[in-house]
């Protein structure tokens, strides 16, 4: 998969989207309250209220959650993080598989889940290799603007006040199959949504010093 230049990421499983991203973030959040590699009881209502507050609680949402949890359990990752000199910093999922969810159990009698997160998640978030996501603002992003959620995750990986992304690489990273013209339109709509919510102060598509189109995003600066 297209990722940061200092890592190699491979994934096997069903294609995921931003709703799955919300689910993964929530599962990690709930698992923080106890030691990793131990089963975590999952409250279905509490989870759905956290990641889909506008959809209500009902059979449709429970079925969606069941399908997505199964997809995350079956998804397998391989990650190799590299040092600046190109040598390997660490590998996860190299010989022993690394699943987004290590174990998942469901009781039909109580209609409840328990899940286990792999302890190696700690390694992924070690060495300050983590992102701080403003969850409340993320939940306010419009339902048809998943690209805005993708950009929110992307800008959260860096503290640089101005971030620039080559459009061709960004399109490949997002696996956007439509023509560049439609990609630019969707991108501009996503940027306007981030501006509306204050996730970025402003953004625009511009030309790089090499004359290539790029997206420039300015992060809000903290008040002194």
N, C-alpha and C. Protein backbone atom coordinates (compact mmCIF):
# COMPACT_ATOMS: atom_id res chain seq x y z
N UNK A 1 0.84 -1.19 0.00
CA UNK A 1 0.00 0.00 0.00
C UNK A 1 0.88 1.25 0.00
N UNK A 2 0.36 2.33 -0.62
CA UNK A 2 1.08 3.60 -0.60
C UNK A 2 1.06 4.13 0.84
N UNK A 3 2.23 4.41 1.37
CA UNK A 3 2.32 4.85 2.76
C UNK A 3 3.43 5.88 2.89
N UNK A 4 3.87 6.15 4.10
CA UNK A 4 4.99 7.05 4.32
C UNK A 4 6.25 6.49 3.69
N UNK A 5 7.18 7.39 3.35
CA UNK A 5 8.40 6.95 2.67
C UNK A 5 9.30 6.11 3.58
N UNK A 6 9.11 6.23 4.91
CA UNK A 6 9.99 5.51 5.82
C UNK A 6 9.38 4.19 6.30
N UNK A 7 8.38 3.68 5.58
CA UNK A 7 7.82 2.39 5.98
C UNK A 7 7.22 1.66 4.77
N UNK A 8 7.15 0.35 4.90
CA UNK A 8 6.52 -0.52 3.91
C UNK A 8 5.31 -1.15 4.57
N UNK A 9 4.15 -0.99 3.97
CA UNK A 9 2.91 -1.50 4.55
C UNK A 9 2.21 -2.42 3.55
N UNK A 10 1.94 -3.64 3.97
CA UNK A 10 1.20 -4.60 3.16
C UNK A 10 -0.05 -5.01 3.93
N UNK A 11 -1.13 -5.23 3.20
CA UNK A 11 -2.40 -5.59 3.84
C UNK A 11 -3.10 -6.65 3.01
N UNK A 12 -3.65 -7.65 3.69
CA UNK A 12 -4.45 -8.69 3.05
C UNK A 12 -5.80 -8.74 3.74
N UNK A 13 -6.86 -8.66 2.96
CA UNK A 13 -8.19 -8.72 3.55
C UNK A 13 -9.16 -7.86 2.76
N UNK A 14 -10.36 -7.69 3.32
CA UNK A 14 -11.39 -6.89 2.66
C UNK A 14 -10.98 -5.42 2.68
N UNK A 15 -11.30 -4.71 1.59
CA UNK A 15 -10.96 -3.29 1.54
C UNK A 15 -11.71 -2.54 2.64
N UNK A 16 -10.98 -1.66 3.33
CA UNK A 16 -11.54 -0.91 4.45
C UNK A 16 -11.81 0.53 4.03
N UNK A 17 -12.65 1.21 4.80
CA UNK A 17 -12.95 2.61 4.52
C UNK A 17 -12.84 3.42 5.81
N UNK A 18 -13.26 4.69 5.75
CA UNK A 18 -13.11 5.56 6.91
C UNK A 18 -14.00 5.13 8.07
N UNK A 19 -15.14 4.51 7.79
CA UNK A 19 -15.98 3.99 8.87
C UNK A 19 -15.24 2.90 9.64
N UNK A 20 -14.48 2.07 8.92
CA UNK A 20 -13.65 1.07 9.57
C UNK A 20 -12.55 1.74 10.39
N UNK A 21 -12.02 2.86 9.85
CA UNK A 21 -11.02 3.61 10.60
C UNK A 21 -11.58 4.12 11.91
N UNK A 22 -12.81 4.64 11.90
CA UNK A 22 -13.46 5.08 13.14
C UNK A 22 -13.59 3.92 14.12
N UNK A 23 -13.96 2.75 13.58
CA UNK A 23 -14.13 1.57 14.43
C UNK A 23 -12.81 1.14 15.06
N UNK A 24 -11.74 1.13 14.28
CA UNK A 24 -10.43 0.75 14.82
C UNK A 24 -10.00 1.71 15.93
N UNK A 25 -10.17 3.02 15.70
CA UNK A 25 -9.79 4.00 16.71
C UNK A 25 -10.57 3.77 17.99
N UNK A 26 -11.87 3.50 17.87
CA UNK A 26 -12.71 3.26 19.05
C UNK A 26 -12.29 2.00 19.79
N UNK A 27 -11.99 0.93 19.06
CA UNK A 27 -11.58 -0.32 19.70
C UNK A 27 -10.27 -0.13 20.48
N UNK A 28 -9.33 0.61 19.91
CA UNK A 28 -8.08 0.88 20.61
C UNK A 28 -8.36 1.72 21.85
N UNK A 29 -9.25 2.69 21.73
CA UNK A 29 -9.60 3.55 22.86
C UNK A 29 -10.18 2.72 24.01
N UNK A 30 -11.14 1.84 23.70
CA UNK A 30 -11.75 1.03 24.75
C UNK A 30 -10.75 0.05 25.37
N UNK A 31 -9.81 -0.44 24.57
CA UNK A 31 -8.83 -1.42 25.05
C UNK A 31 -7.76 -0.79 25.93
N UNK A 32 -7.62 0.55 25.89
CA UNK A 32 -6.60 1.22 26.69
C UNK A 32 -6.81 1.05 28.19
N UNK A 33 -8.03 0.76 28.58
CA UNK A 33 -8.36 0.71 30.00
C UNK A 33 -7.88 -0.58 30.67
N UNK A 34 -7.37 -1.51 29.89
CA UNK A 34 -6.83 -2.73 30.47
C UNK A 34 -5.64 -3.20 29.64
N UNK A 35 -4.95 -4.17 30.16
CA UNK A 35 -3.73 -4.64 29.52
C UNK A 35 -4.04 -5.26 28.16
N UNK A 36 -3.20 -4.93 27.17
CA UNK A 36 -3.38 -5.54 25.87
C UNK A 36 -3.10 -7.04 25.94
N UNK A 37 -3.59 -7.75 24.95
CA UNK A 37 -3.49 -9.21 24.90
C UNK A 37 -4.43 -9.88 25.89
N UNK A 38 -5.38 -9.13 26.45
CA UNK A 38 -6.41 -9.71 27.31
C UNK A 38 -7.77 -9.35 26.72
N UNK A 39 -8.77 -10.23 26.85
CA UNK A 39 -10.09 -9.98 26.25
C UNK A 39 -10.75 -8.73 26.82
N UNK A 40 -11.38 -7.96 25.92
CA UNK A 40 -12.07 -6.73 26.30
C UNK A 40 -13.57 -6.92 26.02
N UNK A 41 -14.43 -6.76 27.02
CA UNK A 41 -15.88 -6.83 26.74
C UNK A 41 -16.31 -5.62 25.94
N UNK A 42 -17.18 -5.85 24.96
CA UNK A 42 -17.59 -4.78 24.06
C UNK A 42 -19.07 -4.50 24.21
N UNK A 43 -19.39 -3.26 24.57
CA UNK A 43 -20.78 -2.81 24.67
C UNK A 43 -21.19 -2.27 23.30
N UNK A 44 -22.07 -3.00 22.61
CA UNK A 44 -22.43 -2.64 21.24
C UNK A 44 -23.06 -1.26 21.15
N UNK A 45 -23.98 -0.96 22.05
CA UNK A 45 -24.65 0.33 22.01
C UNK A 45 -23.67 1.47 22.24
N UNK A 46 -22.79 1.30 23.21
CA UNK A 46 -21.82 2.34 23.52
C UNK A 46 -20.89 2.58 22.33
N UNK A 47 -20.48 1.50 21.67
CA UNK A 47 -19.59 1.63 20.52
C UNK A 47 -20.27 2.35 19.36
N UNK A 48 -21.49 1.94 19.03
CA UNK A 48 -22.20 2.56 17.90
C UNK A 48 -22.49 4.02 18.19
N UNK A 49 -22.83 4.35 19.43
CA UNK A 49 -23.08 5.75 19.78
C UNK A 49 -21.81 6.59 19.62
N UNK A 50 -20.65 5.95 19.80
CA UNK A 50 -19.40 6.69 19.68
C UNK A 50 -19.01 6.94 18.23
N UNK A 51 -19.22 5.94 17.37
CA UNK A 51 -18.72 6.07 16.00
C UNK A 51 -19.80 6.42 14.99
N UNK A 52 -21.09 6.24 15.35
CA UNK A 52 -22.18 6.57 14.42
C UNK A 52 -23.31 7.25 15.19
N UNK A 53 -23.04 8.37 15.83
CA UNK A 53 -24.04 8.99 16.69
C UNK A 53 -25.29 9.45 15.94
N UNK A 54 -25.16 9.69 14.63
CA UNK A 54 -26.30 10.21 13.88
C UNK A 54 -27.19 9.11 13.32
N UNK A 55 -26.79 7.85 13.45
CA UNK A 55 -27.51 6.77 12.78
C UNK A 55 -28.53 6.08 13.67
N UNK A 56 -28.47 6.31 14.97
CA UNK A 56 -29.39 5.63 15.86
C UNK A 56 -28.96 4.20 16.15
N UNK A 57 -29.69 3.52 17.01
CA UNK A 57 -29.39 2.15 17.40
C UNK A 57 -30.50 1.24 16.89
N UNK A 58 -30.12 0.20 16.18
CA UNK A 58 -31.12 -0.73 15.67
C UNK A 58 -30.48 -1.92 15.00
N UNK A 59 -31.30 -2.79 14.45
CA UNK A 59 -30.83 -4.04 13.86
C UNK A 59 -29.87 -3.78 12.70
N UNK A 60 -30.14 -2.74 11.90
CA UNK A 60 -29.26 -2.43 10.76
C UNK A 60 -27.85 -2.10 11.24
N UNK A 61 -27.73 -1.31 12.30
CA UNK A 61 -26.42 -0.93 12.82
C UNK A 61 -25.71 -2.12 13.46
N UNK A 62 -26.46 -2.97 14.13
CA UNK A 62 -25.84 -4.16 14.74
C UNK A 62 -25.29 -5.11 13.67
N UNK A 63 -26.05 -5.26 12.57
CA UNK A 63 -25.57 -6.13 11.49
C UNK A 63 -24.33 -5.53 10.84
N UNK A 64 -24.33 -4.19 10.64
CA UNK A 64 -23.14 -3.53 10.08
C UNK A 64 -21.93 -3.76 10.99
N UNK A 65 -22.11 -3.58 12.29
CA UNK A 65 -21.01 -3.77 13.23
C UNK A 65 -20.48 -5.19 13.18
N UNK A 66 -21.37 -6.17 13.09
CA UNK A 66 -20.95 -7.58 13.05
C UNK A 66 -20.10 -7.84 11.81
N UNK A 67 -20.53 -7.32 10.66
CA UNK A 67 -19.77 -7.52 9.41
C UNK A 67 -18.39 -6.86 9.50
N UNK A 68 -18.35 -5.65 10.04
CA UNK A 68 -17.08 -4.92 10.06
C UNK A 68 -16.12 -5.51 11.09
N UNK A 69 -16.61 -5.99 12.20
CA UNK A 69 -15.73 -6.63 13.18
C UNK A 69 -15.11 -7.90 12.58
N UNK A 70 -15.90 -8.66 11.83
CA UNK A 70 -15.38 -9.86 11.17
C UNK A 70 -14.31 -9.49 10.16
N UNK A 71 -14.54 -8.40 9.40
CA UNK A 71 -13.56 -7.98 8.40
C UNK A 71 -12.26 -7.55 9.07
N UNK A 72 -12.34 -6.85 10.18
CA UNK A 72 -11.14 -6.41 10.90
C UNK A 72 -10.41 -7.61 11.51
N UNK A 73 -11.17 -8.60 11.97
CA UNK A 73 -10.53 -9.79 12.54
C UNK A 73 -9.75 -10.56 11.46
N UNK A 74 -10.27 -10.57 10.26
CA UNK A 74 -9.64 -11.34 9.18
C UNK A 74 -8.52 -10.56 8.49
N UNK A 75 -8.51 -9.22 8.62
CA UNK A 75 -7.48 -8.42 7.97
C UNK A 75 -6.10 -8.65 8.59
N UNK A 76 -5.09 -8.78 7.75
CA UNK A 76 -3.73 -9.06 8.20
C UNK A 76 -2.78 -7.98 7.69
N UNK A 77 -1.91 -7.50 8.57
CA UNK A 77 -0.97 -6.44 8.23
C UNK A 77 0.47 -6.91 8.30
N UNK A 78 1.31 -6.30 7.47
CA UNK A 78 2.76 -6.43 7.57
C UNK A 78 3.33 -5.03 7.49
N UNK A 79 4.12 -4.65 8.47
CA UNK A 79 4.70 -3.32 8.51
C UNK A 79 6.19 -3.40 8.77
N UNK A 80 6.96 -2.70 7.95
CA UNK A 80 8.40 -2.57 8.18
C UNK A 80 8.72 -1.08 8.27
N UNK A 81 9.16 -0.65 9.44
CA UNK A 81 9.54 0.76 9.64
C UNK A 81 11.04 0.90 9.44
N UNK A 82 11.44 1.94 8.72
CA UNK A 82 12.85 2.10 8.38
C UNK A 82 13.45 3.32 9.07
N UNK A 83 14.75 3.25 9.31
CA UNK A 83 15.50 4.37 9.85
C UNK A 83 15.87 5.33 8.71
N UNK A 84 16.33 6.54 9.04
CA UNK A 84 16.70 7.50 7.97
C UNK A 84 17.73 6.97 6.99
N UNK A 85 18.61 6.03 7.44
CA UNK A 85 19.63 5.49 6.53
C UNK A 85 19.11 4.33 5.67
N UNK A 86 17.83 3.99 5.84
CA UNK A 86 17.23 2.93 5.04
C UNK A 86 17.24 1.56 5.69
N UNK A 87 17.95 1.40 6.81
CA UNK A 87 17.95 0.11 7.50
C UNK A 87 16.64 -0.07 8.27
N UNK A 88 16.36 -1.30 8.66
CA UNK A 88 15.09 -1.63 9.31
C UNK A 88 15.10 -1.23 10.78
N UNK A 89 14.08 -0.47 11.19
CA UNK A 89 13.91 -0.14 12.60
C UNK A 89 13.22 -1.28 13.32
N UNK A 90 12.12 -1.76 12.76
CA UNK A 90 11.42 -2.93 13.30
C UNK A 90 10.46 -3.46 12.24
N UNK A 91 10.05 -4.72 12.44
CA UNK A 91 9.06 -5.35 11.58
C UNK A 91 7.94 -5.89 12.44
N UNK A 92 6.71 -5.77 11.96
CA UNK A 92 5.56 -6.33 12.65
C UNK A 92 4.78 -7.16 11.63
N UNK A 93 4.48 -8.41 12.01
CA UNK A 93 3.75 -9.28 11.11
C UNK A 93 4.64 -9.93 10.07
N UNK A 94 5.97 -10.02 10.34
CA UNK A 94 6.91 -10.54 9.33
C UNK A 94 6.75 -12.05 9.19
N UNK A 95 6.90 -12.78 10.30
CA UNK A 95 6.76 -14.24 10.24
C UNK A 95 5.48 -14.68 10.96
N UNK A 96 5.11 -13.96 12.01
CA UNK A 96 3.89 -14.27 12.75
C UNK A 96 2.84 -13.23 12.36
N UNK A 97 1.69 -13.69 11.94
CA UNK A 97 0.69 -12.76 11.40
C UNK A 97 0.27 -11.72 12.44
N UNK A 98 -0.01 -10.52 11.96
CA UNK A 98 -0.49 -9.44 12.81
C UNK A 98 -1.85 -9.01 12.30
N UNK A 99 -2.88 -9.24 13.10
CA UNK A 99 -4.24 -8.90 12.71
C UNK A 99 -4.67 -7.61 13.41
N UNK A 100 -5.53 -6.86 12.76
CA UNK A 100 -6.04 -5.64 13.37
C UNK A 100 -6.72 -5.97 14.69
N UNK A 101 -7.52 -7.03 14.71
CA UNK A 101 -8.07 -7.59 15.95
C UNK A 101 -7.47 -8.98 16.11
N UNK A 102 -6.82 -9.23 17.23
CA UNK A 102 -6.15 -10.52 17.42
C UNK A 102 -7.14 -11.65 17.63
N UNK A 103 -8.19 -11.39 18.39
CA UNK A 103 -9.20 -12.42 18.66
C UNK A 103 -10.55 -11.75 18.82
N UNK A 104 -11.59 -12.47 18.41
CA UNK A 104 -12.94 -11.94 18.48
C UNK A 104 -13.90 -13.07 18.81
N UNK A 105 -14.75 -12.84 19.79
CA UNK A 105 -15.75 -13.84 20.18
C UNK A 105 -17.12 -13.17 20.27
N UNK A 106 -18.14 -13.94 19.90
CA UNK A 106 -19.50 -13.42 19.95
C UNK A 106 -20.43 -14.45 20.58
N UNK A 107 -21.22 -14.00 21.53
CA UNK A 107 -22.19 -14.88 22.19
C UNK A 107 -23.57 -14.59 21.64
N UNK A 108 -24.19 -15.56 20.98
CA UNK A 108 -25.53 -15.37 20.45
C UNK A 108 -26.56 -15.26 21.57
N UNK A 109 -26.28 -15.93 22.69
CA UNK A 109 -27.24 -15.90 23.81
C UNK A 109 -27.35 -14.50 24.40
N UNK A 110 -26.21 -13.86 24.63
CA UNK A 110 -26.21 -12.53 25.25
C UNK A 110 -26.05 -11.41 24.21
N UNK A 111 -25.82 -11.79 22.93
CA UNK A 111 -25.58 -10.83 21.86
C UNK A 111 -24.49 -9.84 22.24
N UNK A 112 -23.40 -10.38 22.76
CA UNK A 112 -22.29 -9.54 23.21
C UNK A 112 -20.98 -10.05 22.62
N UNK A 113 -19.99 -9.16 22.53
CA UNK A 113 -18.68 -9.47 21.98
C UNK A 113 -17.61 -9.33 23.05
N UNK A 114 -16.53 -10.04 22.84
CA UNK A 114 -15.25 -9.75 23.50
C UNK A 114 -14.19 -9.76 22.40
N UNK A 115 -13.22 -8.88 22.55
CA UNK A 115 -12.16 -8.82 21.54
C UNK A 115 -10.82 -8.62 22.23
N UNK A 116 -9.76 -8.99 21.51
CA UNK A 116 -8.40 -8.85 22.04
C UNK A 116 -7.56 -8.11 21.01
N UNK A 117 -6.84 -7.10 21.46
CA UNK A 117 -5.91 -6.36 20.62
C UNK A 117 -4.50 -6.89 20.84
N UNK A 118 -3.77 -7.07 19.76
CA UNK A 118 -2.39 -7.57 19.83
C UNK A 118 -1.51 -6.59 20.61
N UNK A 119 -0.68 -7.11 21.52
CA UNK A 119 0.20 -6.26 22.32
C UNK A 119 1.20 -5.50 21.45
N UNK A 120 1.41 -5.97 20.21
CA UNK A 120 2.35 -5.27 19.33
C UNK A 120 1.83 -3.93 18.83
N UNK A 121 0.54 -3.64 19.10
CA UNK A 121 0.04 -2.30 18.80
C UNK A 121 0.86 -1.25 19.53
N UNK A 122 1.37 -1.60 20.72
CA UNK A 122 2.17 -0.66 21.49
C UNK A 122 3.39 -0.22 20.68
N UNK A 123 3.98 -1.16 19.95
CA UNK A 123 5.15 -0.83 19.14
C UNK A 123 4.79 0.17 18.04
N UNK A 124 3.62 0.01 17.46
CA UNK A 124 3.20 0.94 16.41
C UNK A 124 3.04 2.35 16.94
N UNK A 125 2.66 2.48 18.20
CA UNK A 125 2.44 3.80 18.79
C UNK A 125 3.62 4.25 19.63
N UNK A 126 4.70 3.48 19.63
CA UNK A 126 5.89 3.87 20.37
C UNK A 126 6.72 4.88 19.59
N UNK A 127 7.75 5.40 20.21
CA UNK A 127 8.67 6.35 19.57
C UNK A 127 7.91 7.55 18.98
N UNK A 128 6.81 7.92 19.66
CA UNK A 128 5.96 9.04 19.23
C UNK A 128 5.42 8.86 17.81
N UNK A 129 5.26 7.61 17.38
CA UNK A 129 4.69 7.35 16.06
C UNK A 129 3.18 7.17 16.21
N UNK A 130 2.54 8.26 16.60
CA UNK A 130 1.10 8.21 16.81
C UNK A 130 0.48 9.50 16.32
N UNK A 131 -0.83 9.49 16.21
CA UNK A 131 -1.56 10.68 15.77
C UNK A 131 -2.57 11.05 16.84
N UNK A 132 -2.79 12.34 17.01
CA UNK A 132 -3.81 12.82 17.93
C UNK A 132 -5.00 13.29 17.11
N UNK A 133 -6.11 12.56 17.21
CA UNK A 133 -7.29 12.85 16.43
C UNK A 133 -8.32 13.56 17.31
N UNK A 134 -8.79 14.71 16.84
CA UNK A 134 -9.88 15.40 17.54
C UNK A 134 -11.17 14.66 17.20
N UNK A 135 -11.60 13.80 18.13
CA UNK A 135 -12.72 12.90 17.85
C UNK A 135 -14.03 13.67 17.67
N UNK A 136 -14.28 14.67 18.51
CA UNK A 136 -15.54 15.41 18.42
C UNK A 136 -15.68 16.06 17.05
N UNK A 137 -14.60 16.66 16.56
CA UNK A 137 -14.67 17.29 15.24
C UNK A 137 -14.78 16.24 14.14
N UNK A 138 -14.11 15.11 14.32
CA UNK A 138 -14.20 14.03 13.33
C UNK A 138 -15.64 13.57 13.16
N UNK A 139 -16.37 13.47 14.28
CA UNK A 139 -17.76 13.03 14.22
C UNK A 139 -18.69 14.06 13.59
N UNK A 140 -18.22 15.31 13.44
CA UNK A 140 -19.03 16.35 12.82
C UNK A 140 -18.81 16.44 11.30
N UNK A 141 -17.83 15.70 10.78
CA UNK A 141 -17.58 15.71 9.34
C UNK A 141 -18.78 15.11 8.61
N UNK A 142 -19.21 15.75 7.53
CA UNK A 142 -20.38 15.31 6.79
C UNK A 142 -20.30 13.87 6.33
N UNK A 143 -21.45 13.20 6.25
CA UNK A 143 -21.50 11.78 5.93
C UNK A 143 -20.95 11.48 4.54
N UNK A 144 -21.04 12.41 3.62
CA UNK A 144 -20.56 12.17 2.24
C UNK A 144 -19.15 12.69 2.02
N UNK A 145 -18.45 13.01 3.12
CA UNK A 145 -17.12 13.62 3.00
C UNK A 145 -16.06 12.79 3.70
N UNK A 146 -16.01 11.49 3.36
CA UNK A 146 -15.01 10.61 3.96
C UNK A 146 -13.59 11.07 3.66
N UNK A 147 -13.39 11.73 2.50
CA UNK A 147 -12.05 12.20 2.17
C UNK A 147 -11.55 13.21 3.20
N UNK A 148 -12.46 13.97 3.80
CA UNK A 148 -12.07 14.91 4.85
C UNK A 148 -11.54 14.15 6.07
N UNK A 149 -12.12 13.00 6.38
CA UNK A 149 -11.61 12.18 7.48
C UNK A 149 -10.22 11.64 7.16
N UNK A 150 -10.02 11.26 5.90
CA UNK A 150 -8.70 10.78 5.49
C UNK A 150 -7.66 11.87 5.65
N UNK A 151 -7.99 13.08 5.23
CA UNK A 151 -7.06 14.20 5.36
C UNK A 151 -6.81 14.54 6.82
N UNK A 152 -7.85 14.43 7.66
CA UNK A 152 -7.66 14.69 9.08
C UNK A 152 -6.63 13.74 9.67
N UNK A 153 -6.73 12.46 9.33
CA UNK A 153 -5.75 11.49 9.83
C UNK A 153 -4.35 11.80 9.29
N UNK A 154 -4.30 12.24 8.04
CA UNK A 154 -3.02 12.49 7.41
C UNK A 154 -2.30 13.67 8.06
N UNK A 155 -3.00 14.78 8.27
CA UNK A 155 -2.33 15.95 8.85
C UNK A 155 -1.99 15.73 10.31
N UNK A 156 -2.69 14.80 10.98
CA UNK A 156 -2.43 14.55 12.39
C UNK A 156 -1.11 13.82 12.62
N UNK A 157 -0.52 13.27 11.56
CA UNK A 157 0.74 12.53 11.72
C UNK A 157 1.95 13.45 11.77
N UNK A 158 1.75 14.75 11.63
CA UNK A 158 2.87 15.70 11.64
C UNK A 158 2.46 16.96 12.38
N UNK A 159 3.41 17.58 13.05
CA UNK A 159 3.16 18.85 13.74
C UNK A 159 3.58 20.04 12.88
N UNK A 160 4.03 19.79 11.65
CA UNK A 160 4.43 20.89 10.76
C UNK A 160 3.25 21.83 10.55
N UNK A 161 3.44 23.13 10.73
CA UNK A 161 2.32 24.08 10.59
C UNK A 161 1.78 24.18 9.17
N UNK A 162 2.62 23.90 8.18
CA UNK A 162 2.18 23.86 6.79
C UNK A 162 2.59 22.50 6.21
N UNK A 163 1.63 21.80 5.63
CA UNK A 163 1.90 20.47 5.09
C UNK A 163 1.50 20.45 3.62
N UNK A 164 2.36 19.86 2.80
CA UNK A 164 2.12 19.82 1.37
C UNK A 164 2.19 18.38 0.86
N UNK A 165 1.28 18.04 -0.04
CA UNK A 165 1.17 16.67 -0.53
C UNK A 165 1.03 16.70 -2.06
N UNK A 166 1.89 15.96 -2.73
CA UNK A 166 1.81 15.83 -4.18
C UNK A 166 0.48 15.19 -4.55
N UNK A 167 -0.24 15.77 -5.50
CA UNK A 167 -1.59 15.31 -5.82
C UNK A 167 -1.60 13.88 -6.39
N UNK A 168 -0.65 13.56 -7.26
CA UNK A 168 -0.62 12.21 -7.84
C UNK A 168 -0.39 11.16 -6.75
N UNK A 169 0.55 11.46 -5.84
CA UNK A 169 0.82 10.52 -4.76
C UNK A 169 -0.37 10.42 -3.80
N UNK A 170 -1.00 11.56 -3.53
CA UNK A 170 -2.15 11.57 -2.64
C UNK A 170 -3.31 10.78 -3.24
N UNK A 171 -3.52 10.91 -4.54
CA UNK A 171 -4.58 10.17 -5.22
C UNK A 171 -4.32 8.67 -5.15
N UNK A 172 -3.05 8.28 -5.33
CA UNK A 172 -2.68 6.86 -5.25
C UNK A 172 -2.84 6.36 -3.82
N UNK A 173 -2.45 7.17 -2.85
CA UNK A 173 -2.54 6.77 -1.45
C UNK A 173 -3.99 6.55 -1.03
N UNK A 174 -4.88 7.37 -1.55
CA UNK A 174 -6.30 7.24 -1.23
C UNK A 174 -7.00 6.20 -2.11
N UNK A 175 -6.26 5.62 -3.08
CA UNK A 175 -6.81 4.63 -4.00
C UNK A 175 -8.07 5.18 -4.69
N UNK A 176 -7.96 6.42 -5.15
CA UNK A 176 -9.07 7.09 -5.82
C UNK A 176 -8.99 6.75 -7.31
N UNK A 177 -10.00 6.04 -7.82
CA UNK A 177 -9.92 5.49 -9.18
C UNK A 177 -10.43 6.44 -10.26
N UNK A 178 -11.23 7.44 -9.89
CA UNK A 178 -11.80 8.35 -10.89
C UNK A 178 -10.73 9.30 -11.43
N UNK A 179 -11.02 10.00 -12.51
CA UNK A 179 -10.03 10.91 -13.12
C UNK A 179 -9.58 12.00 -12.15
N UNK A 180 -8.41 12.58 -12.43
CA UNK A 180 -7.83 13.61 -11.58
C UNK A 180 -8.78 14.80 -11.41
N UNK A 181 -9.53 15.14 -12.44
CA UNK A 181 -10.45 16.27 -12.35
C UNK A 181 -11.46 16.06 -11.22
N UNK A 182 -12.03 14.86 -11.14
CA UNK A 182 -13.00 14.58 -10.08
C UNK A 182 -12.31 14.49 -8.72
N UNK A 183 -11.09 13.99 -8.72
CA UNK A 183 -10.33 13.91 -7.48
C UNK A 183 -10.11 15.30 -6.90
N UNK A 184 -9.74 16.24 -7.77
CA UNK A 184 -9.51 17.61 -7.31
C UNK A 184 -10.79 18.22 -6.75
N UNK A 185 -11.92 17.95 -7.40
CA UNK A 185 -13.20 18.48 -6.91
C UNK A 185 -13.52 17.92 -5.53
N UNK A 186 -13.34 16.62 -5.37
CA UNK A 186 -13.61 15.99 -4.07
C UNK A 186 -12.64 16.50 -3.01
N UNK A 187 -11.39 16.70 -3.41
CA UNK A 187 -10.37 17.18 -2.49
C UNK A 187 -10.71 18.60 -2.01
N UNK A 188 -11.14 19.44 -2.92
CA UNK A 188 -11.48 20.81 -2.54
C UNK A 188 -12.68 20.84 -1.60
N UNK A 189 -13.65 19.96 -1.82
CA UNK A 189 -14.80 19.87 -0.91
C UNK A 189 -14.37 19.39 0.47
N UNK A 190 -13.43 18.44 0.50
CA UNK A 190 -12.93 17.94 1.78
C UNK A 190 -12.18 19.03 2.54
N UNK A 191 -11.39 19.81 1.83
CA UNK A 191 -10.64 20.90 2.47
C UNK A 191 -11.59 21.94 3.05
N UNK A 192 -12.66 22.27 2.31
CA UNK A 192 -13.63 23.24 2.82
C UNK A 192 -14.27 22.73 4.11
N UNK A 193 -14.50 21.42 4.20
CA UNK A 193 -15.08 20.84 5.41
C UNK A 193 -14.10 20.93 6.58
N UNK A 194 -12.83 20.68 6.33
CA UNK A 194 -11.82 20.81 7.39
C UNK A 194 -11.70 22.25 7.85
N UNK A 195 -11.82 23.18 6.91
CA UNK A 195 -11.79 24.60 7.28
C UNK A 195 -13.01 24.96 8.13
N UNK A 196 -14.16 24.45 7.76
CA UNK A 196 -15.40 24.74 8.49
C UNK A 196 -15.30 24.30 9.95
N UNK A 197 -14.65 23.16 10.17
CA UNK A 197 -14.55 22.61 11.51
C UNK A 197 -13.31 23.08 12.26
N UNK A 198 -12.46 23.87 11.58
CA UNK A 198 -11.26 24.37 12.25
C UNK A 198 -10.16 23.34 12.39
N UNK A 199 -10.24 22.24 11.64
CA UNK A 199 -9.17 21.23 11.68
C UNK A 199 -7.95 21.75 10.94
N UNK A 200 -8.17 22.50 9.87
CA UNK A 200 -7.11 23.28 9.22
C UNK A 200 -7.60 24.72 9.13
N UNK A 201 -6.67 25.66 9.14
CA UNK A 201 -7.08 27.06 9.02
C UNK A 201 -7.38 27.42 7.57
N UNK A 202 -6.64 26.84 6.64
CA UNK A 202 -6.93 27.03 5.22
C UNK A 202 -6.19 25.98 4.41
N UNK A 203 -6.61 25.81 3.18
CA UNK A 203 -5.97 24.85 2.29
C UNK A 203 -6.23 25.23 0.85
N UNK A 204 -5.33 24.82 -0.04
CA UNK A 204 -5.49 25.14 -1.46
C UNK A 204 -4.65 24.18 -2.29
N UNK A 205 -5.04 24.03 -3.54
CA UNK A 205 -4.24 23.29 -4.51
C UNK A 205 -3.36 24.30 -5.23
N UNK A 206 -2.07 24.04 -5.26
CA UNK A 206 -1.11 24.97 -5.83
C UNK A 206 -0.07 24.20 -6.62
N UNK A 207 0.89 24.91 -7.20
CA UNK A 207 2.00 24.27 -7.92
C UNK A 207 3.23 24.23 -7.01
N UNK A 208 3.93 23.12 -7.06
CA UNK A 208 5.17 23.00 -6.29
C UNK A 208 6.29 23.75 -7.00
N UNK A 209 7.46 23.78 -6.39
CA UNK A 209 8.61 24.44 -7.02
C UNK A 209 9.01 23.74 -8.32
N UNK A 210 8.59 22.48 -8.47
CA UNK A 210 8.86 21.74 -9.69
C UNK A 210 7.72 21.86 -10.70
N UNK A 211 6.71 22.67 -10.36
CA UNK A 211 5.59 22.86 -11.27
C UNK A 211 4.55 21.76 -11.22
N UNK A 212 4.60 20.90 -10.19
CA UNK A 212 3.64 19.82 -10.06
C UNK A 212 2.52 20.22 -9.10
N UNK A 213 1.27 19.81 -9.39
CA UNK A 213 0.16 20.17 -8.49
C UNK A 213 0.30 19.49 -7.13
N UNK A 214 0.01 20.26 -6.09
CA UNK A 214 0.11 19.72 -4.74
C UNK A 214 -0.98 20.37 -3.87
N UNK A 215 -1.31 19.68 -2.79
CA UNK A 215 -2.25 20.21 -1.82
C UNK A 215 -1.47 20.81 -0.67
N UNK A 216 -1.75 22.05 -0.33
CA UNK A 216 -1.12 22.72 0.80
C UNK A 216 -2.16 22.96 1.88
N UNK A 217 -1.84 22.57 3.11
CA UNK A 217 -2.75 22.73 4.24
C UNK A 217 -2.03 23.46 5.36
N UNK A 218 -2.69 24.47 5.92
CA UNK A 218 -2.14 25.23 7.04
C UNK A 218 -2.90 24.83 8.31
N UNK A 219 -2.16 24.40 9.33
CA UNK A 219 -2.80 24.00 10.58
C UNK A 219 -3.06 25.22 11.46
N UNK A 220 -4.12 25.20 12.25
CA UNK A 220 -4.37 26.31 13.16
C UNK A 220 -3.21 26.43 14.17
N UNK A 221 -2.81 27.64 14.44
CA UNK A 221 -1.72 27.86 15.38
C UNK A 221 -2.27 28.09 16.79
N UNK A 222 -1.63 27.46 17.80
CA UNK A 222 -2.12 27.61 19.17
C UNK A 222 -2.02 29.08 19.62
N UNK A 223 -3.00 29.48 20.42
CA UNK A 223 -3.02 30.84 20.94
C UNK A 223 -1.99 30.97 22.04
N UNK A 224 -1.13 31.98 21.95
CA UNK A 224 -0.06 32.17 22.93
C UNK A 224 -0.64 32.59 24.27
